Amino acid sequence: MHKDSLGPDGKRVYTLKKVTEDGRVTKSAHPARFSPDDKYSRHRVTLKKRYGLLLTQQVDKEAAKL
């Protein structure tokens, strides 16, 4: 995983190390996949309801076999 820290000139320095030479801990260079402040979840749920893609709208495969 790529890590980054700020160099002496204030620019990002990318590395694969967890700790820099001067002892500072690096952080992940990639953003988190999930944000608790999800602004668009309401819209995704609305679209899934509209097109029947919610799990509650799916046909149960085992019940369909009976």
PDB file of N, CA and C in Angstrom:
ATOM      1  N   MET A   1       0.845  -1.165   0.000  1.00  0.00           N
ATOM      2  CA  MET A   1       0.000   0.000   0.000  1.00  0.00           C
ATOM      3  C   MET A   1       0.895   1.234   0.000  1.00  0.00           C
ATOM      4  N   HIS A   2       0.531   2.199  -0.797  1.00  0.00           N
ATOM      5  CA  HIS A   2       1.299   3.432  -0.848  1.00  0.00           C
ATOM      6  C   HIS A   2       0.977   4.309   0.353  1.00  0.00           C
ATOM      7  N   LYS A   3       1.995   4.906   0.908  1.00  0.00           N
ATOM      8  CA  LYS A   3       1.853   5.793   2.058  1.00  0.00           C
ATOM      9  C   LYS A   3       2.395   7.160   1.664  1.00  0.00           C
ATOM     10  N   ASP A   4       1.956   8.198   2.370  1.00  0.00           N
ATOM     11  CA  ASP A   4       2.518   9.506   2.102  1.00  0.00           C
ATOM     12  C   ASP A   4       2.714  10.275   3.393  1.00  0.00           C
ATOM     13  N   SER A   5       3.610  11.237   3.332  1.00  0.00           N
ATOM     14  CA  SER A   5       3.856  12.152   4.436  1.00  0.00           C
ATOM     15  C   SER A   5       4.330  13.456   3.820  1.00  0.00           C
ATOM     16  N   LEU A   6       4.375  14.496   4.622  1.00  0.00           N
ATOM     17  CA  LEU A   6       4.840  15.783   4.120  1.00  0.00           C
ATOM     18  C   LEU A   6       6.351  15.863   4.252  1.00  0.00           C
ATOM     19  N   GLY A   7       6.999  16.283   3.172  1.00  0.00           N
ATOM     20  CA  GLY A   7       8.439  16.459   3.181  1.00  0.00           C
ATOM     21  C   GLY A   7       8.826  17.792   3.801  1.00  0.00           C
ATOM     22  N   PRO A   8      10.121  18.086   3.850  1.00  0.00           N
ATOM     23  CA  PRO A   8      10.589  19.339   4.454  1.00  0.00           C
ATOM     24  C   PRO A   8      10.102  20.585   3.708  1.00  0.00           C
ATOM     25  N   ASP A   9       9.812  20.444   2.424  1.00  0.00           N
ATOM     26  CA  ASP A   9       9.340  21.588   1.639  1.00  0.00           C
ATOM     27  C   ASP A   9       7.814  21.695   1.632  1.00  0.00           C
ATOM     28  N   GLY A  10       7.105  20.822   2.362  1.00  0.00           N
ATOM     29  CA  GLY A  10       5.653  20.883   2.457  1.00  0.00           C
ATOM     30  C   GLY A  10       4.919  20.093   1.396  1.00  0.00           C
ATOM     31  N   LYS A  11       5.629  19.454   0.488  1.00  0.00           N
ATOM     32  CA  LYS A  11       5.003  18.638  -0.553  1.00  0.00           C
ATOM     33  C   LYS A  11       4.885  17.192  -0.082  1.00  0.00           C
ATOM     34  N   ARG A  12       3.946  16.471  -0.681  1.00  0.00           N
ATOM     35  CA  ARG A  12       3.765  15.065  -0.326  1.00  0.00           C
ATOM     36  C   ARG A  12       4.931  14.235  -0.832  1.00  0.00           C
ATOM     37  N   VAL A  13       5.358  13.311   0.014  1.00  0.00           N
ATOM     38  CA  VAL A  13       6.403  12.359  -0.348  1.00  0.00           C
ATOM     39  C   VAL A  13       5.784  10.976  -0.227  1.00  0.00           C
ATOM     40  N   TYR A  14       5.772  10.217  -1.322  1.00  0.00           N
ATOM     41  CA  TYR A  14       5.160   8.886  -1.327  1.00  0.00           C
ATOM     42  C   TYR A  14       6.217   7.835  -1.032  1.00  0.00           C
ATOM     43  N   THR A  15       5.841   6.838  -0.229  1.00  0.00           N
ATOM     44  CA  THR A  15       6.758   5.782   0.162  1.00  0.00           C
ATOM     45  C   THR A  15       5.970   4.505   0.441  1.00  0.00           C
ATOM     46  N   LEU A  16       6.663   3.415   0.645  1.00  0.00           N
ATOM     47  CA  LEU A  16       6.033   2.161   1.048  1.00  0.00           C
ATOM     48  C   LEU A  16       6.281   1.870   2.526  1.00  0.00           C
ATOM     49  N   LYS A  17       7.061   2.737   3.186  1.00  0.00           N
ATOM     50  CA  LYS A  17       7.416   2.539   4.590  1.00  0.00           C
ATOM     51  C   LYS A  17       6.310   3.033   5.513  1.00  0.00           C
ATOM     52  N   LYS A  18       6.224   2.430   6.708  1.00  0.00           N
ATOM     53  CA  LYS A  18       5.235   2.850   7.698  1.00  0.00           C
ATOM     54  C   LYS A  18       5.733   4.017   8.535  1.00  0.00           C
ATOM     55  N   VAL A  19       7.062   4.153   8.647  1.00  0.00           N
ATOM     56  CA  VAL A  19       7.667   5.232   9.428  1.00  0.00           C
ATOM     57  C   VAL A  19       8.768   5.853   8.579  1.00  0.00           C
ATOM     58  N   THR A  20       8.830   7.193   8.554  1.00  0.00           N
ATOM     59  CA  THR A  20       9.870   7.875   7.773  1.00  0.00           C
ATOM     60  C   THR A  20      11.205   7.799   8.508  1.00  0.00           C
ATOM     61  N   GLU A  21      12.266   8.256   7.856  1.00  0.00           N
ATOM     62  CA  GLU A  21      13.605   8.207   8.452  1.00  0.00           C
ATOM     63  C   GLU A  21      13.704   9.064   9.714  1.00  0.00           C
ATOM     64  N   ASP A  22      12.940  10.147   9.772  1.00  0.00           N
ATOM     65  CA  ASP A  22      12.995  11.018  10.957  1.00  0.00           C
ATOM     66  C   ASP A  22      11.987  10.596  12.029  1.00  0.00           C
ATOM     67  N   GLY A  23      11.335   9.431  11.881  1.00  0.00           N
ATOM     68  CA  GLY A  23      10.487   8.875  12.918  1.00  0.00           C
ATOM     69  C   GLY A  23       9.016   9.231  12.847  1.00  0.00           C
ATOM     70  N   ARG A  24       8.602   9.951  11.818  1.00  0.00           N
ATOM     71  CA  ARG A  24       7.181  10.301  11.701  1.00  0.00           C
ATOM     72  C   ARG A  24       6.418   9.147  11.047  1.00  0.00           C
ATOM     73  N   VAL A  25       5.218   8.912  11.541  1.00  0.00           N
ATOM     74  CA  VAL A  25       4.370   7.839  11.008  1.00  0.00           C
ATOM     75  C   VAL A  25       3.710   8.341   9.731  1.00  0.00           C
ATOM     76  N   THR A  26       3.714   7.505   8.684  1.00  0.00           N
ATOM     77  CA  THR A  26       3.077   7.874   7.418  1.00  0.00           C
ATOM     78  C   THR A  26       1.605   7.501   7.467  1.00  0.00           C
ATOM     79  N   LYS A  27       0.835   8.051   6.558  1.00  0.00           N
ATOM     80  CA  LYS A  27      -0.591   7.729   6.479  1.00  0.00           C
ATOM     81  C   LYS A  27      -0.894   7.184   5.093  1.00  0.00           C
ATOM     82  N   SER A  28      -2.037   6.550   4.958  1.00  0.00           N
ATOM     83  CA  SER A  28      -2.435   5.977   3.678  1.00  0.00           C
ATOM     84  C   SER A  28      -2.617   7.083   2.647  1.00  0.00           C
ATOM     85  N   ALA A  29      -2.170   6.839   1.431  1.00  0.00           N
ATOM     86  CA  ALA A  29      -2.289   7.826   0.361  1.00  0.00           C
ATOM     87  C   ALA A  29      -3.643   7.748  -0.325  1.00  0.00           C
ATOM     88  N   HIS A  30      -4.472   6.785   0.061  1.00  0.00           N
ATOM     89  CA  HIS A  30      -5.768   6.592  -0.578  1.00  0.00           C
ATOM     90  C   HIS A  30      -6.894   6.971   0.385  1.00  0.00           C
ATOM     91  N   PRO A  31      -7.966   7.548  -0.107  1.00  0.00           N
ATOM     92  CA  PRO A  31      -9.085   7.893   0.773  1.00  0.00           C
ATOM     93  C   PRO A  31      -9.850   6.643   1.207  1.00  0.00           C
ATOM     94  N   ALA A  32     -10.612   6.780   2.260  1.00  0.00           N
ATOM     95  CA  ALA A  32     -11.419   5.668   2.748  1.00  0.00           C
ATOM     96  C   ALA A  32     -12.524   5.355   1.746  1.00  0.00           C
ATOM     97  N   ARG A  33     -12.956   4.103   1.690  1.00  0.00           N
ATOM     98  CA  ARG A  33     -14.016   3.712   0.758  1.00  0.00           C
ATOM     99  C   ARG A  33     -15.390   4.155   1.233  1.00  0.00           C
ATOM    100  N   PHE A  34     -15.577   4.221   2.514  1.00  0.00           N
ATOM    101  CA  PHE A  34     -16.888   4.563   3.052  1.00  0.00           C
ATOM    102  C   PHE A  34     -16.789   5.834   3.873  1.00  0.00           C
ATOM    103  N   SER A  35     -17.742   6.698   3.695  1.00  0.00           N
ATOM    104  CA  SER A  35     -17.811   7.914   4.488  1.00  0.00           C
ATOM    105  C   SER A  35     -19.113   7.898   5.282  1.00  0.00           C
ATOM    106  N   PRO A  36     -19.044   8.116   6.594  1.00  0.00           N
ATOM    107  CA  PRO A  36     -20.284   8.167   7.361  1.00  0.00           C
ATOM    108  C   PRO A  36     -21.171   9.336   6.945  1.00  0.00           C
ATOM    109  N   ASP A  37     -20.585  10.336   6.327  1.00  0.00           N
ATOM    110  CA  ASP A  37     -21.338  11.489   5.837  1.00  0.00           C
ATOM    111  C   ASP A  37     -21.691  11.240   4.373  1.00  0.00           C
ATOM    112  N   ASP A  38     -22.558  10.239   4.143  1.00  0.00           N
ATOM    113  CA  ASP A  38     -22.933   9.845   2.789  1.00  0.00           C
ATOM    114  C   ASP A  38     -24.106  10.704   2.326  1.00  0.00           C
ATOM    115  N   LYS A  39     -23.834  11.643   1.457  1.00  0.00           N
ATOM    116  CA  LYS A  39     -24.839  12.612   1.024  1.00  0.00           C
ATOM    117  C   LYS A  39     -25.839  12.020   0.034  1.00  0.00           C
ATOM    118  N   TYR A  40     -25.487  10.944  -0.631  1.00  0.00           N
ATOM    119  CA  TYR A  40     -26.297  10.454  -1.745  1.00  0.00           C
ATOM    120  C   TYR A  40     -26.982   9.119  -1.472  1.00  0.00           C
ATOM    121  N   SER A  41     -26.961   8.620  -0.239  1.00  0.00           N
ATOM    122  CA  SER A  41     -27.564   7.314   0.033  1.00  0.00           C
ATOM    123  C   SER A  41     -29.067   7.332  -0.228  1.00  0.00           C
ATOM    124  N   ARG A  42     -29.733   8.429   0.093  1.00  0.00           N
ATOM    125  CA  ARG A  42     -31.181   8.533  -0.130  1.00  0.00           C
ATOM    126  C   ARG A  42     -31.502   8.366  -1.613  1.00  0.00           C
ATOM    127  N   HIS A  43     -30.684   8.945  -2.472  1.00  0.00           N
ATOM    128  CA  HIS A  43     -30.919   8.864  -3.912  1.00  0.00           C
ATOM    129  C   HIS A  43     -30.681   7.445  -4.435  1.00  0.00           C
ATOM    130  N   ARG A  44     -29.638   6.775  -3.913  1.00  0.00           N
ATOM    131  CA  ARG A  44     -29.368   5.399  -4.344  1.00  0.00           C
ATOM    132  C   ARG A  44     -30.509   4.471  -3.948  1.00  0.00           C
ATOM    133  N   VAL A  45     -31.016   4.630  -2.734  1.00  0.00           N
ATOM    134  CA  VAL A  45     -32.120   3.783  -2.276  1.00  0.00           C
ATOM    135  C   VAL A  45     -33.365   4.044  -3.108  1.00  0.00           C
ATOM    136  N   THR A  46     -33.639   5.307  -3.423  1.00  0.00           N
ATOM    137  CA  THR A  46     -34.806   5.647  -4.247  1.00  0.00           C
ATOM    138  C   THR A  46     -34.714   4.992  -5.618  1.00  0.00           C
ATOM    139  N   LEU A  47     -33.541   5.047  -6.236  1.00  0.00           N
ATOM    140  CA  LEU A  47     -33.366   4.425  -7.552  1.00  0.00           C
ATOM    141  C   LEU A  47     -33.507   2.904  -7.479  1.00  0.00           C
ATOM    142  N   LYS A  48     -32.952   2.305  -6.432  1.00  0.00           N
ATOM    143  CA  LYS A  48     -33.070   0.854  -6.295  1.00  0.00           C
ATOM    144  C   LYS A  48     -34.521   0.437  -6.089  1.00  0.00           C
ATOM    145  N   LYS A  49     -35.279   1.224  -5.327  1.00  0.00           N
ATOM    146  CA  LYS A  49     -36.708   0.932  -5.156  1.00  0.00           C
ATOM    147  C   LYS A  49     -37.433   1.031  -6.483  1.00  0.00           C
ATOM    148  N   ARG A  50     -37.122   2.060  -7.245  1.00  0.00           N
ATOM    149  CA  ARG A  50     -37.802   2.302  -8.520  1.00  0.00           C
ATOM    150  C   ARG A  50     -37.585   1.152  -9.490  1.00  0.00           C
ATOM    151  N   TYR A  51     -36.379   0.604  -9.521  1.00  0.00           N
ATOM    152  CA  TYR A  51     -36.068  -0.444 -10.493  1.00  0.00           C
ATOM    153  C   TYR A  51     -36.098  -1.850  -9.896  1.00  0.00           C
ATOM    154  N   GLY A  52     -36.589  -1.981  -8.658  1.00  0.00           N
ATOM    155  CA  GLY A  52     -36.756  -3.304  -8.058  1.00  0.00           C
ATOM    156  C   GLY A  52     -35.464  -4.009  -7.719  1.00  0.00           C
ATOM    157  N   LEU A  53     -34.447  -3.273  -7.305  1.00  0.00           N
ATOM    158  CA  LEU A  53     -33.148  -3.868  -7.027  1.00  0.00           C
ATOM    159  C   LEU A  53     -32.847  -4.053  -5.543  1.00  0.00           C
ATOM    160  N   LEU A  54     -33.759  -3.632  -4.673  1.00  0.00           N
ATOM    161  CA  LEU A  54     -33.537  -3.834  -3.246  1.00  0.00           C
ATOM    162  C   LEU A  54     -33.639  -5.313  -2.919  1.00  0.00           C
ATOM    163  N   LEU A  55     -32.903  -5.750  -1.891  1.00  0.00           N
ATOM    164  CA  LEU A  55     -32.936  -7.166  -1.520  1.00  0.00           C
ATOM    165  C   LEU A  55     -34.331  -7.603  -1.097  1.00  0.00           C
ATOM    166  N   THR A  56     -35.102  -6.694  -0.521  1.00  0.00           N
ATOM    167  CA  THR A  56     -36.468  -7.040  -0.120  1.00  0.00           C
ATOM    168  C   THR A  56     -37.387  -7.209  -1.320  1.00  0.00           C
ATOM    169  N   GLN A  57     -36.989  -6.737  -2.480  1.00  0.00           N
ATOM    170  CA  GLN A  57     -37.795  -6.860  -3.691  1.00  0.00           C
ATOM    171  C   GLN A  57     -37.357  -8.039  -4.557  1.00  0.00           C
ATOM    172  N   GLN A  58     -36.278  -8.708  -4.162  1.00  0.00           N
ATOM    173  CA  GLN A  58     -35.755  -9.828  -4.932  1.00  0.00           C
ATOM    174  C   GLN A  58     -36.586 -11.078  -4.657  1.00  0.00           C
ATOM    175  N   VAL A  59     -36.672 -11.942  -5.618  1.00  0.00           N
ATOM    176  CA  VAL A  59     -37.376 -13.214  -5.459  1.00  0.00           C
ATOM    177  C   VAL A  59     -36.453 -14.169  -4.714  1.00  0.00           C
ATOM    178  N   ASP A  60     -36.980 -14.798  -3.679  1.00  0.00           N
ATOM    179  CA  ASP A  60     -36.206 -15.764  -2.913  1.00  0.00           C
ATOM    180  C   ASP A  60     -36.015 -17.009  -3.775  1.00  0.00           C
ATOM    181  N   LYS A  61     -34.769 -17.359  -4.064  1.00  0.00           N
ATOM    182  CA  LYS A  61     -34.478 -18.475  -4.973  1.00  0.00           C
ATOM    183  C   LYS A  61     -34.954 -19.809  -4.400  1.00  0.00           C
ATOM    184  N   GLU A  62     -34.801 -20.015  -3.095  1.00  0.00           N
ATOM    185  CA  GLU A  62     -35.225 -21.282  -2.498  1.00  0.00           C
ATOM    186  C   GLU A  62     -36.744 -21.398  -2.474  1.00  0.00           C
ATOM    187  N   ALA A  63     -37.434 -20.297  -2.235  1.00  0.00           N
ATOM    188  CA  ALA A  63     -38.899 -20.329  -2.227  1.00  0.00           C
ATOM    189  C   ALA A  63     -39.428 -20.537  -3.642  1.00  0.00           C
ATOM    190  N   ALA A  64     -38.722 -20.049  -4.639  1.00  0.00           N
ATOM    191  CA  ALA A  64     -39.153 -20.205  -6.023  1.00  0.00           C
ATOM    192  C   ALA A  64     -39.023 -21.666  -6.477  1.00  0.00           C
ATOM    193  N   LYS A  65     -38.105 -22.428  -5.864  1.00  0.00           N
ATOM    194  CA  LYS A  65     -37.919 -23.835  -6.231  1.00  0.00           C
ATOM    195  C   LYS A  65     -39.100 -24.692  -5.780  1.00  0.00           C
ATOM    196  N   LEU A  66     -39.759 -24.290  -4.691  1.00  0.00           N
ATOM    197  CA  LEU A  66     -40.855 -25.103  -4.128  1.00  0.00           C
ATOM    198  C   LEU A  66     -42.094 -25.058  -4.942  1.00  0.00           C
TER     199      LEU A  66
END
